[in-house]
Amino acid sequence: MQRNNTQVQTIQRLSTQGQIRPEQNTQELNAKREHKEEQSAEVQITTENNTQGLNEIRQNIKVNTDKQNASTKF
């Protein structure tokens, strides 16, 4: 993101006055970003586990249905 001269001057003035701390803000943003990435990875793992579990359930249902169909043919 490109900042214009007025924005840069405002940031410098606020930083000098101690009203903002760019380094601390950057650290906080990085920490939040890392946390979101960790959460995203956890969601991905949970989704994969749920998908695997659902596939196993689907397979069990198919096996049981096939058994039931086979037993009703006689």
Protein backbone atom coordinates (compact mmCIF):
# COMPACT_ATOMS: atom_id res chain seq x y z
CA MET A 1 0.00 0.00 0.00
CA GLN A 2 1.46 3.33 -1.08
CA ARG A 3 1.10 6.16 1.42
CA ASN A 4 1.00 9.79 0.43
CA ASN A 5 3.21 12.41 2.06
CA THR A 6 0.45 13.66 4.39
CA GLN A 7 -0.15 10.16 5.73
CA VAL A 8 3.56 9.63 6.32
CA GLN A 9 3.84 12.96 8.16
CA THR A 10 0.81 12.12 10.31
CA ILE A 11 2.26 8.71 11.20
CA GLN A 12 5.62 10.27 12.05
CA ARG A 13 3.99 12.96 14.22
CA LEU A 14 1.81 10.47 16.11
CA SER A 15 4.77 8.14 16.55
CA THR A 16 6.93 10.97 17.91
CA GLN A 17 4.16 11.95 20.33
CA GLY A 18 3.92 8.35 21.50
CA GLN A 19 0.32 8.00 20.37
CA ILE A 20 1.16 5.14 18.04
CA ARG A 21 3.95 2.61 18.11
CA PRO A 22 4.47 1.20 14.61
CA GLU A 23 6.81 -1.57 15.78
CA GLN A 24 4.40 -2.75 18.45
CA ASN A 25 1.49 -2.52 16.01
CA THR A 26 3.42 -4.61 13.49
CA GLN A 27 4.23 -7.21 16.14
CA GLU A 28 0.59 -7.37 17.20
CA LEU A 29 -0.56 -7.72 13.59
CA ASN A 30 1.99 -10.46 12.96
CA ALA A 31 0.85 -12.31 16.08
CA LYS A 32 -2.78 -12.05 14.97
CA ARG A 33 -1.84 -13.26 11.48
CA GLU A 34 0.04 -16.25 12.91
CA HIS A 35 -2.90 -17.07 15.17
CA LYS A 36 -5.28 -16.98 12.19
CA GLU A 37 -2.93 -19.22 10.21
CA GLU A 38 -2.85 -21.69 13.12
CA GLN A 39 -6.64 -21.61 13.36
CA SER A 40 -6.91 -22.16 9.62
CA ALA A 41 -4.60 -25.17 9.83
CA GLU A 42 -6.67 -26.58 12.71
CA VAL A 43 -9.87 -26.11 10.72
CA GLN A 44 -8.28 -27.84 7.73
CA ILE A 45 -7.22 -30.82 9.86
CA THR A 46 -10.66 -31.02 11.48
CA THR A 47 -12.34 -30.87 8.07
CA GLU A 48 -10.12 -33.65 6.74
CA ASN A 49 -10.82 -35.79 9.81
CA ASN A 50 -14.56 -35.18 9.51
CA THR A 51 -14.48 -36.06 5.82
CA GLN A 52 -12.61 -39.26 6.56
CA GLY A 53 -15.10 -40.13 9.30
CA LEU A 54 -18.04 -39.48 7.00
CA ASN A 55 -16.49 -41.64 4.29
CA GLU A 56 -16.11 -44.49 6.80
CA ILE A 57 -19.75 -44.10 7.86
CA ARG A 58 -20.83 -44.08 4.20
CA GLN A 59 -18.86 -47.27 3.59
CA ASN A 60 -20.42 -48.95 6.64
CA ILE A 61 -23.90 -47.99 5.46
CA LYS A 62 -23.15 -49.42 2.01
CA VAL A 63 -21.88 -52.69 3.49
CA ASN A 64 -24.91 -52.99 5.77
CA THR A 65 -27.30 -52.15 2.93
CA ASP A 66 -25.64 -54.76 0.70
CA LYS A 67 -25.92 -57.36 3.48
CA GLN A 68 -29.55 -56.48 4.06
CA ASN A 69 -30.33 -56.68 0.34
CA ALA A 70 -28.55 -60.03 0.07
CA SER A 71 -30.51 -61.47 2.99
CA THR A 72 -33.89 -60.41 1.57
CA LYS A 73 -33.27 -62.08 -1.81
CA PHE A 74 -33.79 -65.58 -0.35
